[in-house]
C-alpha atoms as a PDB file:
ATOM      1  CA  UNK A   1       6.022   6.938  61.724  1.00  0.00           C
ATOM      2  CA  UNK A   2       5.852   9.823  59.294  1.00  0.00           C
ATOM      3  CA  UNK A   3       9.534  10.623  59.747  1.00  0.00           C
ATOM      4  CA  UNK A   4      10.615   7.205  58.511  1.00  0.00           C
ATOM      5  CA  UNK A   5       8.215   7.486  55.558  1.00  0.00           C
ATOM      6  CA  UNK A   6       9.609  10.937  54.754  1.00  0.00           C
ATOM      7  CA  UNK A   7      13.147   9.533  54.833  1.00  0.00           C
ATOM      8  CA  UNK A   8      12.028   6.439  52.881  1.00  0.00           C
ATOM      9  CA  UNK A   9      13.524   4.351  55.665  1.00  0.00           C
ATOM     10  CA  UNK A  10      12.235   1.391  57.644  1.00  0.00           C
ATOM     11  CA  UNK A  11      12.697   1.525  61.445  1.00  0.00           C
ATOM     12  CA  UNK A  12      14.689  -1.720  61.255  1.00  0.00           C
ATOM     13  CA  UNK A  13      17.064  -0.152  58.714  1.00  0.00           C
ATOM     14  CA  UNK A  14      17.521   2.885  60.959  1.00  0.00           C
ATOM     15  CA  UNK A  15      18.392   0.598  63.865  1.00  0.00           C
ATOM     16  CA  UNK A  16      20.901  -1.298  61.716  1.00  0.00           C
ATOM     17  CA  UNK A  17      22.536   1.977  60.647  1.00  0.00           C
ATOM     18  CA  UNK A  18      22.747   3.098  64.272  1.00  0.00           C
ATOM     19  CA  UNK A  19      24.286  -0.181  65.426  1.00  0.00           C
ATOM     20  CA  UNK A  20      26.774  -0.149  62.542  1.00  0.00           C
ATOM     21  CA  UNK A  21      27.829   3.416  63.453  1.00  0.00           C
ATOM     22  CA  UNK A  22      28.380   2.403  67.093  1.00  0.00           C
ATOM     23  CA  UNK A  23      30.372  -0.689  66.086  1.00  0.00           C
ATOM     24  CA  UNK A  24      32.559   1.199  63.599  1.00  0.00           C
ATOM     25  CA  UNK A  25      33.153   4.333  65.679  1.00  0.00           C
ATOM     26  CA  UNK A  26      32.974   2.857  69.190  1.00  0.00           C
ATOM     27  CA  UNK A  27      30.817   5.761  70.367  1.00  0.00           C
ATOM     28  CA  UNK A  28      27.182   6.819  70.369  1.00  0.00           C
ATOM     29  CA  UNK A  29      25.665   9.426  68.076  1.00  0.00           C
ATOM     30  CA  UNK A  30      24.333  11.317  71.082  1.00  0.00           C
ATOM     31  CA  UNK A  31      25.161  12.135  74.677  1.00  0.00           C
ATOM     32  CA  UNK A  32      22.983  11.661  77.740  1.00  0.00           C
ATOM     33  CA  UNK A  33      21.760  14.844  79.356  1.00  0.00           C
ATOM     34  CA  UNK A  34      20.561  15.062  82.959  1.00  0.00           C
ATOM     35  CA  UNK A  35      18.122  17.768  83.983  1.00  0.00           C
ATOM     36  CA  UNK A  36      16.943  18.557  87.494  1.00  0.00           C
ATOM     37  CA  UNK A  37      13.492  20.135  87.635  1.00  0.00           C
ATOM     38  CA  UNK A  38      11.010  20.684  90.449  1.00  0.00           C
ATOM     39  CA  UNK A  39       7.707  18.876  90.836  1.00  0.00           C
ATOM     40  CA  UNK A  40       5.633  21.933  89.903  1.00  0.00           C
ATOM     41  CA  UNK A  41       7.298  22.520  86.533  1.00  0.00           C
ATOM     42  CA  UNK A  42       5.104  22.169  83.484  1.00  0.00           C
ATOM     43  CA  UNK A  43       6.168  20.097  80.478  1.00  0.00           C
ATOM     44  CA  UNK A  44       6.637  23.241  78.365  1.00  0.00           C
ATOM     45  CA  UNK A  45       8.967  24.703  81.016  1.00  0.00           C
ATOM     46  CA  UNK A  46      11.005  21.498  81.145  1.00  0.00           C
ATOM     47  CA  UNK A  47      11.307  21.352  77.347  1.00  0.00           C
ATOM     48  CA  UNK A  48      12.355  25.008  77.215  1.00  0.00           C
ATOM     49  CA  UNK A  49      15.051  24.391  79.852  1.00  0.00           C
ATOM     50  CA  UNK A  50      16.346  21.303  78.049  1.00  0.00           C
ATOM     51  CA  UNK A  51      16.466  23.076  74.692  1.00  0.00           C
ATOM     52  CA  UNK A  52      18.345  25.999  76.260  1.00  0.00           C
ATOM     53  CA  UNK A  53      20.874  23.697  77.953  1.00  0.00           C
ATOM     54  CA  UNK A  54      21.426  21.764  74.728  1.00  0.00           C
ATOM     55  CA  UNK A  55      21.953  25.024  72.825  1.00  0.00           C
ATOM     56  CA  UNK A  56      24.279  26.471  75.497  1.00  0.00           C
ATOM     57  CA  UNK A  57      25.877  23.492  77.268  1.00  0.00           C
ATOM     58  CA  UNK A  58      27.751  24.038  80.517  1.00  0.00           C
ATOM     59  CA  UNK A  59      31.314  22.854  80.939  1.00  0.00           C
ATOM     60  CA  UNK A  60      31.361  19.208  82.025  1.00  0.00           C
ATOM     61  CA  UNK A  61      32.817  18.335  85.406  1.00  0.00           C
ATOM     62  CA  UNK A  62      34.388  14.951  86.101  1.00  0.00           C
ATOM     63  CA  UNK A  63      33.578  13.542  89.521  1.00  0.00           C
ATOM     64  CA  UNK A  64      35.362  10.673  91.216  1.00  0.00           C
ATOM     65  CA  UNK A  65      33.013   8.644  93.420  1.00  0.00           C
ATOM     66  CA  UNK A  66      35.768   8.012  95.972  1.00  0.00           C
ATOM     67  CA  UNK A  67      36.205  11.771  96.369  1.00  0.00           C
ATOM     68  CA  UNK A  68      32.595  12.349  97.429  1.00  0.00           C
ATOM     69  CA  UNK A  69      31.903  12.758 101.125  1.00  0.00           C
ATOM     70  CA  UNK A  70      28.665  11.393 102.596  1.00  0.00           C
END
């Protein structure tokens, strides 16, 4: 846990800070990102795609489940 040592922070303190932020702001510090990759993709390829999508995010589309046709 070199990062916590570098920040002079205990993991428990980091968790407390995170939970306090969520309670005070009623939102998370981060957003979930979904990525579709094929079975043959290497880890480096997946990481490169994720980093690119985080740097240049696409416009979000809202979908209503009732509007989907099966």
